[in-house]
């Protein structure tokens, strides 16, 4: 008589990805880290560009509606 045992283990997706990452070679892991870092930098750059765009849009809207009363040329004079 042969006894068979079945195992059902549940692994979270993050644990599965971590296991896959650890099973890769050092070069592959380094390339993956570099790509993640580059993606993070690109997202940060896009967020900064969006913030500047919104700020300039708001400033020009205020300028055109006449809400700005001061002379902006004197802001950077000593």
PDB file of N, CA and C in Angstrom:
ATOM      1  N   UNK A   1       0.843  -1.169   0.000  1.00  0.00           N
ATOM      2  CA  UNK A   1       0.000   0.000   0.000  1.00  0.00           C
ATOM      3  C   UNK A   1       0.894   1.238   0.000  1.00  0.00           C
ATOM      4  N   UNK A   2       0.606   2.169  -0.922  1.00  0.00           N
ATOM      5  CA  UNK A   2       1.387   3.388  -1.050  1.00  0.00           C
ATOM      6  C   UNK A   2       0.553   4.549  -0.527  1.00  0.00           C
ATOM      7  N   UNK A   3       1.147   5.275   0.375  1.00  0.00           N
ATOM      8  CA  UNK A   3       0.445   6.431   0.926  1.00  0.00           C
ATOM      9  C   UNK A   3       0.924   7.677   0.198  1.00  0.00           C
ATOM     10  N   UNK A   4      -0.011   8.473  -0.224  1.00  0.00           N
ATOM     11  CA  UNK A   4       0.347   9.728  -0.880  1.00  0.00           C
ATOM     12  C   UNK A   4      -0.121  10.881  -0.016  1.00  0.00           C
ATOM     13  N   UNK A   5       0.706  11.871   0.054  1.00  0.00           N
ATOM     14  CA  UNK A   5       0.372  13.056   0.829  1.00  0.00           C
ATOM     15  C   UNK A   5       0.394  14.249  -0.096  1.00  0.00           C
ATOM     16  N   UNK A   6      -0.637  15.041  -0.027  1.00  0.00           N
ATOM     17  CA  UNK A   6      -0.676  16.261  -0.828  1.00  0.00           C
ATOM     18  C   UNK A   6      -0.485  17.451   0.094  1.00  0.00           C
ATOM     19  N   UNK A   7       0.307  18.382  -0.391  1.00  0.00           N
ATOM     20  CA  UNK A   7       0.554  19.594   0.371  1.00  0.00           C
ATOM     21  C   UNK A   7      -0.028  20.774  -0.389  1.00  0.00           C
ATOM     22  N   UNK A   8      -0.716  21.563   0.312  1.00  0.00           N
ATOM     23  CA  UNK A   8      -1.205  22.801  -0.282  1.00  0.00           C
ATOM     24  C   UNK A   8      -0.648  23.940   0.555  1.00  0.00           C
ATOM     25  N   UNK A   9       0.269  24.622  -0.025  1.00  0.00           N
ATOM     26  CA  UNK A   9       0.823  25.775   0.673  1.00  0.00           C
ATOM     27  C   UNK A   9       0.388  27.022  -0.065  1.00  0.00           C
ATOM     28  N   UNK A  10       0.066  28.013   0.691  1.00  0.00           N
ATOM     29  CA  UNK A  10      -0.335  29.277   0.101  1.00  0.00           C
ATOM     30  C   UNK A  10       0.810  30.257   0.287  1.00  0.00           C
ATOM     31  N   UNK A  11       1.232  30.845  -0.811  1.00  0.00           N
ATOM     32  CA  UNK A  11       2.327  31.797  -0.776  1.00  0.00           C
ATOM     33  C   UNK A  11       1.811  33.124  -1.313  1.00  0.00           C
ATOM     34  N   UNK A  12       2.135  34.168  -0.623  1.00  0.00           N
ATOM     35  CA  UNK A  12       1.705  35.481  -1.083  1.00  0.00           C
ATOM     36  C   UNK A  12       2.459  35.857  -2.353  1.00  0.00           C
ATOM     37  N   UNK A  13       1.886  36.710  -3.173  1.00  0.00           N
ATOM     38  CA  UNK A  13       2.573  37.119  -4.402  1.00  0.00           C
ATOM     39  C   UNK A  13       3.935  37.762  -4.123  1.00  0.00           C
ATOM     40  N   UNK A  14       4.043  38.535  -3.056  1.00  0.00           N
ATOM     41  CA  UNK A  14       5.328  39.175  -2.757  1.00  0.00           C
ATOM     42  C   UNK A  14       6.376  38.136  -2.368  1.00  0.00           C
ATOM     43  N   UNK A  15       5.964  37.097  -1.640  1.00  0.00           N
ATOM     44  CA  UNK A  15       6.903  36.028  -1.297  1.00  0.00           C
ATOM     45  C   UNK A  15       7.337  35.259  -2.539  1.00  0.00           C
ATOM     46  N   UNK A  16       6.409  35.049  -3.461  1.00  0.00           N
ATOM     47  CA  UNK A  16       6.746  34.356  -4.704  1.00  0.00           C
ATOM     48  C   UNK A  16       7.740  35.177  -5.521  1.00  0.00           C
ATOM     49  N   UNK A  17       7.502  36.490  -5.609  1.00  0.00           N
ATOM     50  CA  UNK A  17       8.434  37.355  -6.340  1.00  0.00           C
ATOM     51  C   UNK A  17       9.800  37.389  -5.667  1.00  0.00           C
ATOM     52  N   UNK A  18       9.810  37.435  -4.352  1.00  0.00           N
ATOM     53  CA  UNK A  18      11.078  37.471  -3.620  1.00  0.00           C
ATOM     54  C   UNK A  18      11.863  36.180  -3.856  1.00  0.00           C
ATOM     55  N   UNK A  19      11.188  35.055  -3.827  1.00  0.00           N
ATOM     56  CA  UNK A  19      11.842  33.775  -4.090  1.00  0.00           C
ATOM     57  C   UNK A  19      12.412  33.741  -5.504  1.00  0.00           C
ATOM     58  N   UNK A  20      11.645  34.238  -6.463  1.00  0.00           N
ATOM     59  CA  UNK A  20      12.114  34.295  -7.841  1.00  0.00           C
ATOM     60  C   UNK A  20      13.331  35.209  -7.958  1.00  0.00           C
ATOM     61  N   UNK A  21      13.270  36.362  -7.291  1.00  0.00           N
ATOM     62  CA  UNK A  21      14.385  37.317  -7.309  1.00  0.00           C
ATOM     63  C   UNK A  21      15.648  36.676  -6.733  1.00  0.00           C
ATOM     64  N   UNK A  22      15.519  36.003  -5.606  1.00  0.00           N
ATOM     65  CA  UNK A  22      16.685  35.395  -4.964  1.00  0.00           C
ATOM     66  C   UNK A  22      17.286  34.259  -5.783  1.00  0.00           C
ATOM     67  N   UNK A  23      16.480  33.642  -6.620  1.00  0.00           N
ATOM     68  CA  UNK A  23      16.988  32.529  -7.417  1.00  0.00           C
ATOM     69  C   UNK A  23      17.777  32.995  -8.647  1.00  0.00           C
ATOM     70  N   UNK A  24      17.792  34.294  -8.913  1.00  0.00           N
ATOM     71  CA  UNK A  24      18.486  34.826 -10.083  1.00  0.00           C
ATOM     72  C   UNK A  24      19.974  35.029  -9.783  1.00  0.00           C
ATOM     73  N   UNK A  25      20.745  35.174 -10.847  1.00  0.00           N
ATOM     74  CA  UNK A  25      22.171  35.415 -10.683  1.00  0.00           C
ATOM     75  C   UNK A  25      22.394  36.834 -10.178  1.00  0.00           C
ATOM     76  N   UNK A  26      23.595  37.099  -9.707  1.00  0.00           N
ATOM     77  CA  UNK A  26      23.918  38.417  -9.167  1.00  0.00           C
ATOM     78  C   UNK A  26      23.763  39.504 -10.237  1.00  0.00           C
ATOM     79  N   UNK A  27      24.169  39.210 -11.474  1.00  0.00           N
ATOM     80  CA  UNK A  27      24.041  40.189 -12.563  1.00  0.00           C
ATOM     81  C   UNK A  27      22.584  40.529 -12.845  1.00  0.00           C
ATOM     82  N   UNK A  28      21.733  39.525 -12.829  1.00  0.00           N
ATOM     83  CA  UNK A  28      20.308  39.747 -13.094  1.00  0.00           C
ATOM     84  C   UNK A  28      19.693  40.562 -11.960  1.00  0.00           C
ATOM     85  N   UNK A  29      20.046  40.233 -10.720  1.00  0.00           N
ATOM     86  CA  UNK A  29      19.519  40.995  -9.577  1.00  0.00           C
ATOM     87  C   UNK A  29      19.972  42.445  -9.643  1.00  0.00           C
ATOM     88  N   UNK A  30      21.222  42.682 -10.014  1.00  0.00           N
ATOM     89  CA  UNK A  30      21.735  44.049 -10.123  1.00  0.00           C
ATOM     90  C   UNK A  30      21.031  44.811 -11.239  1.00  0.00           C
ATOM     91  N   UNK A  31      20.806  44.160 -12.368  1.00  0.00           N
ATOM     92  CA  UNK A  31      20.085  44.801 -13.472  1.00  0.00           C
ATOM     93  C   UNK A  31      18.661  45.137 -13.054  1.00  0.00           C
ATOM     94  N   UNK A  32      18.040  44.249 -12.311  1.00  0.00           N
ATOM     95  CA  UNK A  32      16.686  44.491 -11.822  1.00  0.00           C
ATOM     96  C   UNK A  32      16.652  45.689 -10.873  1.00  0.00           C
ATOM     97  N   UNK A  33      17.619  45.762  -9.967  1.00  0.00           N
ATOM     98  CA  UNK A  33      17.698  46.909  -9.043  1.00  0.00           C
ATOM     99  C   UNK A  33      17.899  48.209  -9.804  1.00  0.00           C
ATOM    100  N   UNK A  34      18.752  48.189 -10.795  1.00  0.00           N
ATOM    101  CA  UNK A  34      19.011  49.394 -11.576  1.00  0.00           C
ATOM    102  C   UNK A  34      17.753  49.833 -12.324  1.00  0.00           C
ATOM    103  N   UNK A  35      17.016  48.891 -12.872  1.00  0.00           N
ATOM    104  CA  UNK A  35      15.785  49.229 -13.594  1.00  0.00           C
ATOM    105  C   UNK A  35      14.730  49.789 -12.637  1.00  0.00           C
ATOM    106  N   UNK A  36      14.600  49.193 -11.471  1.00  0.00           N
ATOM    107  CA  UNK A  36      13.652  49.715 -10.477  1.00  0.00           C
ATOM    108  C   UNK A  36      14.020  51.138 -10.066  1.00  0.00           C
ATOM    109  N   UNK A  37      15.314  51.383  -9.850  1.00  0.00           N
ATOM    110  CA  UNK A  37      15.768  52.713  -9.468  1.00  0.00           C
ATOM    111  C   UNK A  37      15.491  53.726 -10.580  1.00  0.00           C
ATOM    112  N   UNK A  38      15.765  53.351 -11.819  1.00  0.00           N
ATOM    113  CA  UNK A  38      15.513  54.248 -12.946  1.00  0.00           C
ATOM    114  C   UNK A  38      14.024  54.561 -13.076  1.00  0.00           C
ATOM    115  N   UNK A  39      13.185  53.567 -12.865  1.00  0.00           N
ATOM    116  CA  UNK A  39      11.739  53.770 -12.938  1.00  0.00           C
ATOM    117  C   UNK A  39      11.271  54.711 -11.827  1.00  0.00           C
ATOM    118  N   UNK A  40      11.829  54.533 -10.651  1.00  0.00           N
ATOM    119  CA  UNK A  40      11.484  55.405  -9.524  1.00  0.00           C
ATOM    120  C   UNK A  40      11.901  56.848  -9.800  1.00  0.00           C
ATOM    121  N   UNK A  41      13.080  57.033 -10.364  1.00  0.00           N
ATOM    122  CA  UNK A  41      13.560  58.372 -10.711  1.00  0.00           C
ATOM    123  C   UNK A  41      12.676  59.012 -11.779  1.00  0.00           C
ATOM    124  N   UNK A  42      12.268  58.227 -12.767  1.00  0.00           N
ATOM    125  CA  UNK A  42      11.417  58.747 -13.838  1.00  0.00           C
ATOM    126  C   UNK A  42      10.069  59.196 -13.282  1.00  0.00           C
ATOM    127  N   UNK A  43       9.509  58.437 -12.354  1.00  0.00           N
ATOM    128  CA  UNK A  43       8.230  58.811 -11.753  1.00  0.00           C
ATOM    129  C   UNK A  43       8.379  60.087 -10.919  1.00  0.00           C
ATOM    130  N   UNK A  44       9.487  60.212 -10.202  1.00  0.00           N
ATOM    131  CA  UNK A  44       9.719  61.415  -9.405  1.00  0.00           C
ATOM    132  C   UNK A  44       9.874  62.634 -10.312  1.00  0.00           C
ATOM    133  N   UNK A  45      10.571  62.472 -11.422  1.00  0.00           N
ATOM    134  CA  UNK A  45      10.746  63.568 -12.375  1.00  0.00           C
ATOM    135  C   UNK A  45       9.407  63.994 -12.961  1.00  0.00           C
ATOM    136  N   UNK A  46       8.578  63.028 -13.330  1.00  0.00           N
ATOM    137  CA  UNK A  46       7.260  63.352 -13.873  1.00  0.00           C
ATOM    138  C   UNK A  46       6.405  64.088 -12.853  1.00  0.00           C
ATOM    139  N   UNK A  47       6.488  63.680 -11.590  1.00  0.00           N
ATOM    140  CA  UNK A  47       5.712  64.337 -10.541  1.00  0.00           C
ATOM    141  C   UNK A  47       6.172  65.787 -10.363  1.00  0.00           C
ATOM    142  N   UNK A  48       7.488  66.017 -10.411  1.00  0.00           N
ATOM    143  CA  UNK A  48       8.012  67.372 -10.287  1.00  0.00           C
ATOM    144  C   UNK A  48       7.601  68.232 -11.481  1.00  0.00           C
ATOM    145  N   UNK A  49       7.657  67.666 -12.682  1.00  0.00           N
ATOM    146  CA  UNK A  49       7.252  68.405 -13.868  1.00  0.00           C
ATOM    147  C   UNK A  49       5.773  68.778 -13.804  1.00  0.00           C
ATOM    148  N   UNK A  50       4.951  67.871 -13.317  1.00  0.00           N
ATOM    149  CA  UNK A  50       3.520  68.150 -13.199  1.00  0.00           C
ATOM    150  C   UNK A  50       3.280  69.266 -12.185  1.00  0.00           C
ATOM    151  N   UNK A  51       4.024  69.246 -11.078  1.00  0.00           N
ATOM    152  CA  UNK A  51       3.873  70.272 -10.056  1.00  0.00           C
ATOM    153  C   UNK A  51       4.260  71.648 -10.596  1.00  0.00           C
ATOM    154  N   UNK A  52       5.346  71.712 -11.347  1.00  0.00           N
ATOM    155  CA  UNK A  52       5.784  72.977 -11.943  1.00  0.00           C
ATOM    156  C   UNK A  52       4.761  73.465 -12.958  1.00  0.00           C
ATOM    157  N   UNK A  53       4.249  72.550 -13.781  1.00  0.00           N
ATOM    158  CA  UNK A  53       3.254  72.925 -14.774  1.00  0.00           C
ATOM    159  C   UNK A  53       1.994  73.500 -14.110  1.00  0.00           C
ATOM    160  N   UNK A  54       1.527  72.851 -13.057  1.00  0.00           N
ATOM    161  CA  UNK A  54       0.341  73.332 -12.355  1.00  0.00           C
ATOM    162  C   UNK A  54       0.603  74.687 -11.700  1.00  0.00           C
ATOM    163  N   UNK A  55       1.794  74.850 -11.144  1.00  0.00           N
ATOM    164  CA  UNK A  55       2.148  76.115 -10.497  1.00  0.00           C
ATOM    165  C   UNK A  55       2.203  77.253 -11.510  1.00  0.00           C
ATOM    166  N   UNK A  56       2.821  76.999 -12.654  1.00  0.00           N
ATOM    167  CA  UNK A  56       2.904  78.033 -13.685  1.00  0.00           C
ATOM    168  C   UNK A  56       1.529  78.346 -14.264  1.00  0.00           C
ATOM    169  N   UNK A  57       0.714  77.331 -14.450  1.00  0.00           N
ATOM    170  CA  UNK A  57      -0.646  77.552 -14.958  1.00  0.00           C
ATOM    171  C   UNK A  57      -1.429  78.430 -13.990  1.00  0.00           C
ATOM    172  N   UNK A  58      -1.331  78.124 -12.707  1.00  0.00           N
ATOM    173  CA  UNK A  58      -2.038  78.917 -11.705  1.00  0.00           C
ATOM    174  C   UNK A  58      -1.516  80.353 -11.678  1.00  0.00           C
ATOM    175  N   UNK A  59      -0.196  80.519 -11.771  1.00  0.00           N
ATOM    176  CA  UNK A  59       0.407  81.855 -11.753  1.00  0.00           C
ATOM    177  C   UNK A  59      -0.043  82.680 -12.962  1.00  0.00           C
ATOM    178  N   UNK A  60      -0.049  82.071 -14.144  1.00  0.00           N
ATOM    179  CA  UNK A  60      -0.485  82.798 -15.338  1.00  0.00           C
ATOM    180  C   UNK A  60      -1.975  83.114 -15.289  1.00  0.00           C
ATOM    181  N   UNK A  61      -2.761  82.189 -14.737  1.00  0.00           N
ATOM    182  CA  UNK A  61      -4.192  82.462 -14.580  1.00  0.00           C
ATOM    183  C   UNK A  61      -4.410  83.664 -13.657  1.00  0.00           C
ATOM    184  N   UNK A  62      -3.668  83.707 -12.555  1.00  0.00           N
ATOM    185  CA  UNK A  62      -3.789  84.843 -11.633  1.00  0.00           C
ATOM    186  C   UNK A  62      -3.328  86.132 -12.296  1.00  0.00           C
ATOM    187  N   UNK A  63      -2.284  86.049 -13.093  1.00  0.00           N
ATOM    188  CA  UNK A  63      -1.776  87.233 -13.785  1.00  0.00           C
ATOM    189  C   UNK A  63      -2.815  87.762 -14.775  1.00  0.00           C
ATOM    190  N   UNK A  64      -3.421  86.855 -15.546  1.00  0.00           N
ATOM    191  CA  UNK A  64      -4.387  87.276 -16.565  1.00  0.00           C
ATOM    192  C   UNK A  64      -5.707  87.765 -15.976  1.00  0.00           C
ATOM    193  N   UNK A  65      -6.071  87.276 -14.794  1.00  0.00           N
ATOM    194  CA  UNK A  65      -7.327  87.722 -14.176  1.00  0.00           C
ATOM    195  C   UNK A  65      -7.143  88.985 -13.349  1.00  0.00           C
ATOM    196  N   UNK A  66      -5.895  89.422 -13.212  1.00  0.00           N
ATOM    197  CA  UNK A  66      -5.632  90.664 -12.483  1.00  0.00           C
ATOM    198  C   UNK A  66      -5.510  90.497 -10.988  1.00  0.00           C
ATOM    199  N   UNK A  67      -5.330  89.285 -10.507  1.00  0.00           N
ATOM    200  CA  UNK A  67      -5.187  89.056  -9.072  1.00  0.00           C
ATOM    201  C   UNK A  67      -3.806  89.428  -8.559  1.00  0.00           C
ATOM    202  N   UNK A  68      -2.828  89.517  -9.448  1.00  0.00           N
ATOM    203  CA  UNK A  68      -1.455  89.845  -9.051  1.00  0.00           C
ATOM    204  C   UNK A  68      -1.300  91.359  -9.073  1.00  0.00           C
ATOM    205  N   UNK A  69      -0.964  91.946  -7.930  1.00  0.00           N
ATOM    206  CA  UNK A  69      -0.875  93.399  -7.826  1.00  0.00           C
ATOM    207  C   UNK A  69       0.565  93.898  -7.707  1.00  0.00           C
ATOM    208  N   UNK A  70       1.483  93.031  -7.272  1.00  0.00           N
ATOM    209  CA  UNK A  70       2.859  93.482  -7.068  1.00  0.00           C
ATOM    210  C   UNK A  70       3.693  93.352  -8.331  1.00  0.00           C
ATOM    211  N   UNK A  71       4.827  93.997  -8.321  1.00  0.00           N
ATOM    212  CA  UNK A  71       5.739  93.958  -9.454  1.00  0.00           C
ATOM    213  C   UNK A  71       6.687  92.773  -9.257  1.00  0.00           C
ATOM    214  N   UNK A  72       6.548  91.739 -10.065  1.00  0.00           N
ATOM    215  CA  UNK A  72       7.369  90.539  -9.919  1.00  0.00           C
ATOM    216  C   UNK A  72       8.819  90.760 -10.252  1.00  0.00           C
ATOM    217  N   UNK A  73       9.146  91.848 -10.974  1.00  0.00           N
ATOM    218  CA  UNK A  73      10.541  92.106 -11.336  1.00  0.00           C
ATOM    219  C   UNK A  73      11.379  92.456 -10.116  1.00  0.00           C
ATOM    220  N   UNK A  74      10.752  92.929  -9.071  1.00  0.00           N
ATOM    221  CA  UNK A  74      11.510  93.334  -7.877  1.00  0.00           C
ATOM    222  C   UNK A  74      11.727  92.190  -6.904  1.00  0.00           C
ATOM    223  N   UNK A  75      11.257  90.997  -7.197  1.00  0.00           N
ATOM    224  CA  UNK A  75      11.401  89.882  -6.270  1.00  0.00           C
ATOM    225  C   UNK A  75      12.849  89.450  -6.085  1.00  0.00           C
ATOM    226  N   UNK A  76      13.656  89.540  -7.134  1.00  0.00           N
ATOM    227  CA  UNK A  76      15.019  89.013  -7.067  1.00  0.00           C
ATOM    228  C   UNK A  76      16.078  90.088  -7.062  1.00  0.00           C
ATOM    229  N   UNK A  77      15.725  91.310  -6.805  1.00  0.00           N
ATOM    230  CA  UNK A  77      16.720  92.380  -6.719  1.00  0.00           C
ATOM    231  C   UNK A  77      17.239  92.460  -5.296  1.00  0.00           C
ATOM    232  N   UNK A  78      18.443  92.926  -5.171  1.00  0.00           N
ATOM    233  CA  UNK A  78      19.056  93.007  -3.841  1.00  0.00           C
ATOM    234  C   UNK A  78      18.648  94.252  -3.118  1.00  0.00           C
TER     235      UNK A  78
END
